Amino acid sequence: QMPMAFLYFTNDLFGYSEKLENVR
């Protein structure tokens, strides 16, 4: 049926300060 054109799956380009620990 192609009601949508699927394009891409993303990677999570996550960032955080190294002052934080135990970040999931």
mmCIF file of all heavy atoms, coordinates in Angstrom:
data_MODEL
# 
_entry.id   MODEL 
# 
loop_
_atom_site.group_PDB 
_atom_site.id 
_atom_site.type_symbol 
_atom_site.label_atom_id 
_atom_site.label_alt_id 
_atom_site.label_comp_id 
_atom_site.label_asym_id 
_atom_site.label_entity_id 
_atom_site.label_seq_id 
_atom_site.pdbx_PDB_ins_code 
_atom_site.Cartn_x 
_atom_site.Cartn_y 
_atom_site.Cartn_z 
_atom_site.occupancy 
_atom_site.B_iso_or_equiv 
_atom_site.pdbx_formal_charge 
_atom_site.auth_seq_id 
_atom_site.auth_comp_id 
_atom_site.auth_asym_id 
_atom_site.auth_atom_id 
_atom_site.pdbx_PDB_model_num 
ATOM 1   N N   . GLN A 1 1  ? 0.819  -1.213 0.000  1.00 0.00 ? 1  GLN A N   1 
ATOM 2   C CA  . GLN A 1 1  ? 0.000  0.000  0.000  1.00 0.00 ? 1  GLN A CA  1 
ATOM 3   C C   . GLN A 1 1  ? 0.855  1.266  0.000  1.00 0.00 ? 1  GLN A C   1 
ATOM 4   O O   . GLN A 1 1  ? 0.423  2.300  -0.503 1.00 0.00 ? 1  GLN A O   1 
ATOM 5   C CB  . GLN A 1 1  ? -0.932 -0.003 1.206  1.00 0.00 ? 1  GLN A CB  1 
ATOM 6   C CG  . GLN A 1 1  ? -2.012 -1.066 1.155  1.00 0.00 ? 1  GLN A CG  1 
ATOM 7   C CD  . GLN A 1 1  ? -3.130 -0.788 2.138  1.00 0.00 ? 1  GLN A CD  1 
ATOM 8   O OE1 . GLN A 1 1  ? -3.385 0.347  2.536  1.00 0.00 ? 1  GLN A OE1 1 
ATOM 9   N NE2 . GLN A 1 1  ? -3.831 -1.833 2.542  1.00 0.00 ? 1  GLN A NE2 1 
ATOM 10  N N   . MET A 1 2  ? 2.036  1.197  0.598  1.00 0.00 ? 2  MET A N   1 
ATOM 11  C CA  . MET A 1 2  ? 2.984  2.310  0.636  1.00 0.00 ? 2  MET A CA  1 
ATOM 12  C C   . MET A 1 2  ? 2.326  3.634  1.061  1.00 0.00 ? 2  MET A C   1 
ATOM 13  O O   . MET A 1 2  ? 2.403  4.652  0.362  1.00 0.00 ? 2  MET A O   1 
ATOM 14  C CB  . MET A 1 2  ? 3.651  2.482  -0.729 1.00 0.00 ? 2  MET A CB  1 
ATOM 15  C CG  . MET A 1 2  ? 4.903  3.343  -0.725 1.00 0.00 ? 2  MET A CG  1 
ATOM 16  S SD  . MET A 1 2  ? 6.286  2.656  0.220  1.00 0.00 ? 2  MET A SD  1 
ATOM 17  C CE  . MET A 1 2  ? 6.764  1.261  -0.815 1.00 0.00 ? 2  MET A CE  1 
ATOM 18  N N   . PRO A 1 3  ? 1.670  3.687  2.217  1.00 0.00 ? 3  PRO A N   1 
ATOM 19  C CA  . PRO A 1 3  ? 1.101  4.956  2.670  1.00 0.00 ? 3  PRO A CA  1 
ATOM 20  C C   . PRO A 1 3  ? 2.153  5.930  3.168  1.00 0.00 ? 3  PRO A C   1 
ATOM 21  O O   . PRO A 1 3  ? 1.888  7.123  3.302  1.00 0.00 ? 3  PRO A O   1 
ATOM 22  C CB  . PRO A 1 3  ? 0.170  4.542  3.810  1.00 0.00 ? 3  PRO A CB  1 
ATOM 23  C CG  . PRO A 1 3  ? 0.798  3.289  4.345  1.00 0.00 ? 3  PRO A CG  1 
ATOM 24  C CD  . PRO A 1 3  ? 1.383  2.593  3.158  1.00 0.00 ? 3  PRO A CD  1 
ATOM 25  N N   . MET A 1 4  ? 3.336  5.418  3.449  1.00 0.00 ? 4  MET A N   1 
ATOM 26  C CA  . MET A 1 4  ? 4.452  6.270  3.848  1.00 0.00 ? 4  MET A CA  1 
ATOM 27  C C   . MET A 1 4  ? 5.738  5.703  3.261  1.00 0.00 ? 4  MET A C   1 
ATOM 28  O O   . MET A 1 4  ? 5.837  4.489  3.025  1.00 0.00 ? 4  MET A O   1 
ATOM 29  C CB  . MET A 1 4  ? 4.569  6.393  5.370  1.00 0.00 ? 4  MET A CB  1 
ATOM 30  C CG  . MET A 1 4  ? 4.821  5.098  6.093  1.00 0.00 ? 4  MET A CG  1 
ATOM 31  S SD  . MET A 1 4  ? 3.319  4.266  6.670  1.00 0.00 ? 4  MET A SD  1 
ATOM 32  C CE  . MET A 1 4  ? 2.960  5.214  8.145  1.00 0.00 ? 4  MET A CE  1 
ATOM 33  N N   . ALA A 1 5  ? 6.673  6.581  3.006  1.00 0.00 ? 5  ALA A N   1 
ATOM 34  C CA  . ALA A 1 5  ? 7.993  6.158  2.566  1.00 0.00 ? 5  ALA A CA  1 
ATOM 35  C C   . ALA A 1 5  ? 8.907  6.166  3.784  1.00 0.00 ? 5  ALA A C   1 
ATOM 36  O O   . ALA A 1 5  ? 9.246  7.231  4.305  1.00 0.00 ? 5  ALA A O   1 
ATOM 37  C CB  . ALA A 1 5  ? 8.525  7.095  1.490  1.00 0.00 ? 5  ALA A CB  1 
ATOM 38  N N   . PHE A 1 6  ? 9.253  4.990  4.268  1.00 0.00 ? 6  PHE A N   1 
ATOM 39  C CA  . PHE A 1 6  ? 10.179 4.896  5.392  1.00 0.00 ? 6  PHE A CA  1 
ATOM 40  C C   . PHE A 1 6  ? 11.569 5.307  4.904  1.00 0.00 ? 6  PHE A C   1 
ATOM 41  O O   . PHE A 1 6  ? 11.992 4.925  3.811  1.00 0.00 ? 6  PHE A O   1 
ATOM 42  C CB  . PHE A 1 6  ? 10.183 3.481  5.960  1.00 0.00 ? 6  PHE A CB  1 
ATOM 43  C CG  . PHE A 1 6  ? 8.895  3.116  6.638  1.00 0.00 ? 6  PHE A CG  1 
ATOM 44  C CD1 . PHE A 1 6  ? 7.859  2.519  5.924  1.00 0.00 ? 6  PHE A CD1 1 
ATOM 45  C CD2 . PHE A 1 6  ? 8.703  3.392  7.982  1.00 0.00 ? 6  PHE A CD2 1 
ATOM 46  C CE1 . PHE A 1 6  ? 6.660  2.201  6.545  1.00 0.00 ? 6  PHE A CE1 1 
ATOM 47  C CE2 . PHE A 1 6  ? 7.502  3.080  8.609  1.00 0.00 ? 6  PHE A CE2 1 
ATOM 48  C CZ  . PHE A 1 6  ? 6.483  2.486  7.887  1.00 0.00 ? 6  PHE A CZ  1 
ATOM 49  N N   . LEU A 1 7  ? 12.268 6.060  5.727  1.00 0.00 ? 7  LEU A N   1 
ATOM 50  C CA  . LEU A 1 7  ? 13.523 6.666  5.278  1.00 0.00 ? 7  LEU A CA  1 
ATOM 51  C C   . LEU A 1 7  ? 14.755 6.070  5.956  1.00 0.00 ? 7  LEU A C   1 
ATOM 52  O O   . LEU A 1 7  ? 15.619 5.516  5.295  1.00 0.00 ? 7  LEU A O   1 
ATOM 53  C CB  . LEU A 1 7  ? 13.473 8.177  5.514  1.00 0.00 ? 7  LEU A CB  1 
ATOM 54  C CG  . LEU A 1 7  ? 12.317 8.911  4.826  1.00 0.00 ? 7  LEU A CG  1 
ATOM 55  C CD1 . LEU A 1 7  ? 12.287 10.379 5.230  1.00 0.00 ? 7  LEU A CD1 1 
ATOM 56  C CD2 . LEU A 1 7  ? 12.401 8.755  3.319  1.00 0.00 ? 7  LEU A CD2 1 
ATOM 57  N N   . TYR A 1 8  ? 14.833 6.186  7.270  1.00 0.00 ? 8  TYR A N   1 
ATOM 58  C CA  . TYR A 1 8  ? 16.046 5.716  7.951  1.00 0.00 ? 8  TYR A CA  1 
ATOM 59  C C   . TYR A 1 8  ? 15.772 5.487  9.433  1.00 0.00 ? 8  TYR A C   1 
ATOM 60  O O   . TYR A 1 8  ? 14.830 6.036  10.004 1.00 0.00 ? 8  TYR A O   1 
ATOM 61  C CB  . TYR A 1 8  ? 17.185 6.721  7.798  1.00 0.00 ? 8  TYR A CB  1 
ATOM 62  C CG  . TYR A 1 8  ? 16.852 8.140  8.223  1.00 0.00 ? 8  TYR A CG  1 
ATOM 63  C CD1 . TYR A 1 8  ? 17.004 8.549  9.549  1.00 0.00 ? 8  TYR A CD1 1 
ATOM 64  C CD2 . TYR A 1 8  ? 16.400 9.074  7.301  1.00 0.00 ? 8  TYR A CD2 1 
ATOM 65  C CE1 . TYR A 1 8  ? 16.694 9.843  9.946  1.00 0.00 ? 8  TYR A CE1 1 
ATOM 66  C CE2 . TYR A 1 8  ? 16.088 10.372 7.682  1.00 0.00 ? 8  TYR A CE2 1 
ATOM 67  C CZ  . TYR A 1 8  ? 16.242 10.745 9.009  1.00 0.00 ? 8  TYR A CZ  1 
ATOM 68  O OH  . TYR A 1 8  ? 15.912 12.033 9.403  1.00 0.00 ? 8  TYR A OH  1 
ATOM 69  N N   . PHE A 1 9  ? 16.612 4.644  10.025 1.00 0.00 ? 9  PHE A N   1 
ATOM 70  C CA  . PHE A 1 9  ? 16.642 4.447  11.465 1.00 0.00 ? 9  PHE A CA  1 
ATOM 71  C C   . PHE A 1 9  ? 17.808 5.255  12.016 1.00 0.00 ? 9  PHE A C   1 
ATOM 72  O O   . PHE A 1 9  ? 18.906 5.270  11.433 1.00 0.00 ? 9  PHE A O   1 
ATOM 73  C CB  . PHE A 1 9  ? 16.833 2.967  11.822 1.00 0.00 ? 9  PHE A CB  1 
ATOM 74  C CG  . PHE A 1 9  ? 15.699 2.097  11.388 1.00 0.00 ? 9  PHE A CG  1 
ATOM 75  C CD1 . PHE A 1 9  ? 15.745 1.442  10.163 1.00 0.00 ? 9  PHE A CD1 1 
ATOM 76  C CD2 . PHE A 1 9  ? 14.579 1.947  12.180 1.00 0.00 ? 9  PHE A CD2 1 
ATOM 77  C CE1 . PHE A 1 9  ? 14.699 0.643  9.748  1.00 0.00 ? 9  PHE A CE1 1 
ATOM 78  C CE2 . PHE A 1 9  ? 13.521 1.157  11.775 1.00 0.00 ? 9  PHE A CE2 1 
ATOM 79  C CZ  . PHE A 1 9  ? 13.584 0.495  10.545 1.00 0.00 ? 9  PHE A CZ  1 
ATOM 80  N N   . THR A 1 10 ? 17.584 5.909  13.101 1.00 0.00 ? 10 THR A N   1 
ATOM 81  C CA  . THR A 1 10 ? 18.606 6.788  13.658 1.00 0.00 ? 10 THR A CA  1 
ATOM 82  C C   . THR A 1 10 ? 19.398 6.107  14.765 1.00 0.00 ? 10 THR A C   1 
ATOM 83  O O   . THR A 1 10 ? 18.907 5.213  15.453 1.00 0.00 ? 10 THR A O   1 
ATOM 84  C CB  . THR A 1 10 ? 17.966 8.052  14.252 1.00 0.00 ? 10 THR A CB  1 
ATOM 85  O OG1 . THR A 1 10 ? 17.039 7.670  15.281 1.00 0.00 ? 10 THR A OG1 1 
ATOM 86  C CG2 . THR A 1 10 ? 17.231 8.847  13.188 1.00 0.00 ? 10 THR A CG2 1 
ATOM 87  N N   . ASN A 1 11 ? 20.636 6.539  14.905 1.00 0.00 ? 11 ASN A N   1 
ATOM 88  C CA  . ASN A 1 11 ? 21.386 6.265  16.116 1.00 0.00 ? 11 ASN A CA  1 
ATOM 89  C C   . ASN A 1 11 ? 21.112 7.404  17.086 1.00 0.00 ? 11 ASN A C   1 
ATOM 90  O O   . ASN A 1 11 ? 20.910 8.555  16.679 1.00 0.00 ? 11 ASN A O   1 
ATOM 91  C CB  . ASN A 1 11 ? 22.888 6.196  15.837 1.00 0.00 ? 11 ASN A CB  1 
ATOM 92  C CG  . ASN A 1 11 ? 23.286 4.912  15.136 1.00 0.00 ? 11 ASN A CG  1 
ATOM 93  O OD1 . ASN A 1 11 ? 22.432 4.151  14.690 1.00 0.00 ? 11 ASN A OD1 1 
ATOM 94  N ND2 . ASN A 1 11 ? 24.581 4.671  15.032 1.00 0.00 ? 11 ASN A ND2 1 
ATOM 95  N N   . ASP A 1 12 ? 21.097 7.091  18.352 1.00 0.00 ? 12 ASP A N   1 
ATOM 96  C CA  . ASP A 1 12 ? 20.965 8.119  19.374 1.00 0.00 ? 12 ASP A CA  1 
ATOM 97  C C   . ASP A 1 12 ? 22.345 8.716  19.618 1.00 0.00 ? 12 ASP A C   1 
ATOM 98  O O   . ASP A 1 12 ? 23.219 8.057  20.176 1.00 0.00 ? 12 ASP A O   1 
ATOM 99  C CB  . ASP A 1 12 ? 20.407 7.501  20.654 1.00 0.00 ? 12 ASP A CB  1 
ATOM 100 C CG  . ASP A 1 12 ? 20.245 8.519  21.768 1.00 0.00 ? 12 ASP A CG  1 
ATOM 101 O OD1 . ASP A 1 12 ? 20.189 9.723  21.455 1.00 0.00 ? 12 ASP A OD1 1 
ATOM 102 O OD2 . ASP A 1 12 ? 20.169 8.115  22.939 1.00 0.00 ? 12 ASP A OD2 1 
ATOM 103 N N   . LEU A 1 13 ? 22.555 9.939  19.157 1.00 0.00 ? 13 LEU A N   1 
ATOM 104 C CA  . LEU A 1 13 ? 23.830 10.636 19.368 1.00 0.00 ? 13 LEU A CA  1 
ATOM 105 C C   . LEU A 1 13 ? 23.731 11.409 20.674 1.00 0.00 ? 13 LEU A C   1 
ATOM 106 O O   . LEU A 1 13 ? 23.531 12.617 20.710 1.00 0.00 ? 13 LEU A O   1 
ATOM 107 C CB  . LEU A 1 13 ? 24.135 11.556 18.185 1.00 0.00 ? 13 LEU A CB  1 
ATOM 108 C CG  . LEU A 1 13 ? 24.201 10.867 16.814 1.00 0.00 ? 13 LEU A CG  1 
ATOM 109 C CD1 . LEU A 1 13 ? 24.622 11.856 15.745 1.00 0.00 ? 13 LEU A CD1 1 
ATOM 110 C CD2 . LEU A 1 13 ? 25.145 9.675  16.839 1.00 0.00 ? 13 LEU A CD2 1 
ATOM 111 N N   . PHE A 1 14 ? 23.846 10.658 21.732 1.00 0.00 ? 14 PHE A N   1 
ATOM 112 C CA  . PHE A 1 14 ? 23.619 11.185 23.067 1.00 0.00 ? 14 PHE A CA  1 
ATOM 113 C C   . PHE A 1 14 ? 24.897 11.826 23.594 1.00 0.00 ? 14 PHE A C   1 
ATOM 114 O O   . PHE A 1 14 ? 26.007 11.380 23.316 1.00 0.00 ? 14 PHE A O   1 
ATOM 115 C CB  . PHE A 1 14 ? 23.182 10.042 23.986 1.00 0.00 ? 14 PHE A CB  1 
ATOM 116 C CG  . PHE A 1 14 ? 22.839 10.466 25.385 1.00 0.00 ? 14 PHE A CG  1 
ATOM 117 C CD1 . PHE A 1 14 ? 21.925 11.476 25.616 1.00 0.00 ? 14 PHE A CD1 1 
ATOM 118 C CD2 . PHE A 1 14 ? 23.434 9.846  26.473 1.00 0.00 ? 14 PHE A CD2 1 
ATOM 119 C CE1 . PHE A 1 14 ? 21.592 11.859 26.904 1.00 0.00 ? 14 PHE A CE1 1 
ATOM 120 C CE2 . PHE A 1 14 ? 23.112 10.212 27.765 1.00 0.00 ? 14 PHE A CE2 1 
ATOM 121 C CZ  . PHE A 1 14 ? 22.194 11.222 27.984 1.00 0.00 ? 14 PHE A CZ  1 
ATOM 122 N N   . GLY A 1 15 ? 24.728 12.884 24.358 1.00 0.00 ? 15 GLY A N   1 
ATOM 123 C CA  . GLY A 1 15 ? 25.877 13.535 24.958 1.00 0.00 ? 15 GLY A CA  1 
ATOM 124 C C   . GLY A 1 15 ? 25.571 14.000 26.361 1.00 0.00 ? 15 GLY A C   1 
ATOM 125 O O   . GLY A 1 15 ? 24.429 14.354 26.677 1.00 0.00 ? 15 GLY A O   1 
ATOM 126 N N   . TYR A 1 16 ? 26.574 13.970 27.222 1.00 0.00 ? 16 TYR A N   1 
ATOM 127 C CA  . TYR A 1 16 ? 26.393 14.474 28.580 1.00 0.00 ? 16 TYR A CA  1 
ATOM 128 C C   . TYR A 1 16 ? 27.737 14.884 29.154 1.00 0.00 ? 16 TYR A C   1 
ATOM 129 O O   . TYR A 1 16 ? 28.809 14.464 28.685 1.00 0.00 ? 16 TYR A O   1 
ATOM 130 C CB  . TYR A 1 16 ? 25.705 13.443 29.475 1.00 0.00 ? 16 TYR A CB  1 
ATOM 131 C CG  . TYR A 1 16 ? 26.446 12.130 29.628 1.00 0.00 ? 16 TYR A CG  1 
ATOM 132 C CD1 . TYR A 1 16 ? 27.331 11.914 30.685 1.00 0.00 ? 16 TYR A CD1 1 
ATOM 133 C CD2 . TYR A 1 16 ? 26.249 11.087 28.730 1.00 0.00 ? 16 TYR A CD2 1 
ATOM 134 C CE1 . TYR A 1 16 ? 27.998 10.705 30.832 1.00 0.00 ? 16 TYR A CE1 1 
ATOM 135 C CE2 . TYR A 1 16 ? 26.905 9.882  28.869 1.00 0.00 ? 16 TYR A CE2 1 
ATOM 136 C CZ  . TYR A 1 16 ? 27.777 9.700  29.931 1.00 0.00 ? 16 TYR A CZ  1 
ATOM 137 O OH  . TYR A 1 16 ? 28.443 8.507  30.072 1.00 0.00 ? 16 TYR A OH  1 
ATOM 138 N N   . SER A 1 17 ? 27.679 15.714 30.148 1.00 0.00 ? 17 SER A N   1 
ATOM 139 C CA  . SER A 1 17 ? 28.888 16.162 30.822 1.00 0.00 ? 17 SER A CA  1 
ATOM 140 C C   . SER A 1 17 ? 29.462 15.025 31.655 1.00 0.00 ? 17 SER A C   1 
ATOM 141 O O   . SER A 1 17 ? 28.728 14.277 32.311 1.00 0.00 ? 17 SER A O   1 
ATOM 142 C CB  . SER A 1 17 ? 28.567 17.353 31.731 1.00 0.00 ? 17 SER A CB  1 
ATOM 143 O OG  . SER A 1 17 ? 29.639 17.616 32.613 1.00 0.00 ? 17 SER A OG  1 
ATOM 144 N N   . GLU A 1 18 ? 30.770 14.904 31.657 1.00 0.00 ? 18 GLU A N   1 
ATOM 145 C CA  . GLU A 1 18 ? 31.417 13.859 32.439 1.00 0.00 ? 18 GLU A CA  1 
ATOM 146 C C   . GLU A 1 18 ? 31.397 14.156 33.933 1.00 0.00 ? 18 GLU A C   1 
ATOM 147 O O   . GLU A 1 18 ? 31.887 13.346 34.725 1.00 0.00 ? 18 GLU A O   1 
ATOM 148 C CB  . GLU A 1 18 ? 32.836 13.629 31.943 1.00 0.00 ? 18 GLU A CB  1 
ATOM 149 C CG  . GLU A 1 18 ? 32.850 12.962 30.558 1.00 0.00 ? 18 GLU A CG  1 
ATOM 150 C CD  . GLU A 1 18 ? 34.244 12.636 30.067 1.00 0.00 ? 18 GLU A CD  1 
ATOM 151 O OE1 . GLU A 1 18 ? 35.229 13.185 30.627 1.00 0.00 ? 18 GLU A OE1 1 
ATOM 152 O OE2 . GLU A 1 18 ? 34.358 11.840 29.113 1.00 0.00 ? 18 GLU A OE2 1 
ATOM 153 N N   . LYS A 1 19 ? 30.779 15.268 34.301 1.00 0.00 ? 19 LYS A N   1 
ATOM 154 C CA  . LYS A 1 19 ? 30.548 15.487 35.732 1.00 0.00 ? 19 LYS A CA  1 
ATOM 155 C C   . LYS A 1 19 ? 29.426 14.582 36.238 1.00 0.00 ? 19 LYS A C   1 
ATOM 156 O O   . LYS A 1 19 ? 29.243 14.414 37.438 1.00 0.00 ? 19 LYS A O   1 
ATOM 157 C CB  . LYS A 1 19 ? 30.222 16.952 36.017 1.00 0.00 ? 19 LYS A CB  1 
ATOM 158 C CG  . LYS A 1 19 ? 28.775 17.355 35.809 1.00 0.00 ? 19 LYS A CG  1 
ATOM 159 C CD  . LYS A 1 19 ? 28.504 18.762 36.303 1.00 0.00 ? 19 LYS A CD  1 
ATOM 160 C CE  . LYS A 1 19 ? 27.013 19.054 36.373 1.00 0.00 ? 19 LYS A CE  1 
ATOM 161 N NZ  . LYS A 1 19 ? 26.726 20.397 36.864 1.00 0.00 ? 19 LYS A NZ  1 
ATOM 162 N N   . LEU A 1 20 ? 28.667 14.002 35.266 1.00 0.00 ? 20 LEU A N   1 
ATOM 163 C CA  . LEU A 1 20 ? 27.607 13.058 35.621 1.00 0.00 ? 20 LEU A CA  1 
ATOM 164 C C   . LEU A 1 20 ? 28.131 11.630 35.524 1.00 0.00 ? 20 LEU A C   1 
ATOM 165 O O   . LEU A 1 20 ? 28.838 11.283 34.576 1.00 0.00 ? 20 LEU A O   1 
ATOM 166 C CB  . LEU A 1 20 ? 26.412 13.212 34.679 1.00 0.00 ? 20 LEU A CB  1 
ATOM 167 C CG  . LEU A 1 20 ? 25.710 14.565 34.632 1.00 0.00 ? 20 LEU A CG  1 
ATOM 168 C CD1 . LEU A 1 20 ? 24.568 14.528 33.620 1.00 0.00 ? 20 LEU A CD1 1 
ATOM 169 C CD2 . LEU A 1 20 ? 25.189 14.966 36.009 1.00 0.00 ? 20 LEU A CD2 1 
ATOM 170 N N   . GLU A 1 21 ? 27.756 10.815 36.493 1.00 0.00 ? 21 GLU A N   1 
ATOM 171 C CA  . GLU A 1 21 ? 28.076 9.398  36.472 1.00 0.00 ? 21 GLU A CA  1 
ATOM 172 C C   . GLU A 1 21 ? 26.780 8.593  36.520 1.00 0.00 ? 21 GLU A C   1 
ATOM 173 O O   . GLU A 1 21 ? 25.726 9.103  36.890 1.00 0.00 ? 21 GLU A O   1 
ATOM 174 C CB  . GLU A 1 21 ? 28.964 9.015  37.664 1.00 0.00 ? 21 GLU A CB  1 
ATOM 175 C CG  . GLU A 1 21 ? 30.319 9.723  37.695 1.00 0.00 ? 21 GLU A CG  1 
ATOM 176 C CD  . GLU A 1 21 ? 31.129 9.361  38.936 1.00 0.00 ? 21 GLU A CD  1 
ATOM 177 O OE1 . GLU A 1 21 ? 30.756 8.383  39.623 1.00 0.00 ? 21 GLU A OE1 1 
ATOM 178 O OE2 . GLU A 1 21 ? 32.121 10.054 39.221 1.00 0.00 ? 21 GLU A OE2 1 
ATOM 179 N N   . ASN A 1 22 ? 26.870 7.323  36.141 1.00 0.00 ? 22 ASN A N   1 
ATOM 180 C CA  . ASN A 1 22 ? 25.735 6.390  36.162 1.00 0.00 ? 22 ASN A CA  1 
ATOM 181 C C   . ASN A 1 22 ? 24.627 6.774  35.188 1.00 0.00 ? 22 ASN A C   1 
ATOM 182 O O   . ASN A 1 22 ? 23.461 6.441  35.406 1.00 0.00 ? 22 ASN A O   1 
ATOM 183 C CB  . ASN A 1 22 ? 25.139 6.270  37.575 1.00 0.00 ? 22 ASN A CB  1 
ATOM 184 C CG  . ASN A 1 22 ? 26.142 5.797  38.599 1.00 0.00 ? 22 ASN A CG  1 
ATOM 185 O OD1 . ASN A 1 22 ? 27.071 5.056  38.286 1.00 0.00 ? 22 ASN A OD1 1 
ATOM 186 N ND2 . ASN A 1 22 ? 25.978 6.249  39.835 1.00 0.00 ? 22 ASN A ND2 1 
ATOM 187 N N   . VAL A 1 23 ? 24.979 7.472  34.128 1.00 0.00 ? 23 VAL A N   1 
ATOM 188 C CA  . VAL A 1 23 ? 23.991 7.847  33.121 1.00 0.00 ? 23 VAL A CA  1 
ATOM 189 C C   . VAL A 1 23 ? 23.693 6.637  32.236 1.00 0.00 ? 23 VAL A C   1 
ATOM 190 O O   . VAL A 1 23 ? 24.603 5.993  31.721 1.00 0.00 ? 23 VAL A O   1 
ATOM 191 C CB  . VAL A 1 23 ? 24.497 9.020  32.258 1.00 0.00 ? 23 VAL A CB  1 
ATOM 192 C CG1 . VAL A 1 23 ? 23.497 9.343  31.151 1.00 0.00 ? 23 VAL A CG1 1 
ATOM 193 C CG2 . VAL A 1 23 ? 24.751 10.233 33.129 1.00 0.00 ? 23 VAL A CG2 1 
ATOM 194 N N   . ARG A 1 24 ? 22.426 6.345  32.089 1.00 0.00 ? 24 ARG A N   1 
ATOM 195 C CA  . ARG A 1 24 ? 22.014 5.192  31.287 1.00 0.00 ? 24 ARG A CA  1 
ATOM 196 C C   . ARG A 1 24 ? 22.277 5.466  29.809 1.00 0.00 ? 24 ARG A C   1 
ATOM 197 O O   . ARG A 1 24 ? 21.777 6.430  29.240 1.00 0.00 ? 24 ARG A O   1 
ATOM 198 C CB  . ARG A 1 24 ? 20.522 4.914  31.504 1.00 0.00 ? 24 ARG A CB  1 
ATOM 199 C CG  . ARG A 1 24 ? 19.974 3.735  30.695 1.00 0.00 ? 24 ARG A CG  1 
ATOM 200 C CD  . ARG A 1 24 ? 18.462 3.705  30.775 1.00 0.00 ? 24 ARG A CD  1 
ATOM 201 N NE  . ARG A 1 24 ? 17.997 3.360  32.100 1.00 0.00 ? 24 ARG A NE  1 
ATOM 202 C CZ  . ARG A 1 24 ? 17.661 2.137  32.483 1.00 0.00 ? 24 ARG A CZ  1 
ATOM 203 N NH1 . ARG A 1 24 ? 17.756 1.142  31.632 1.00 0.00 ? 24 ARG A NH1 1 
ATOM 204 N NH2 . ARG A 1 24 ? 17.218 1.908  33.704 1.00 0.00 ? 24 ARG A NH2 1 
# 
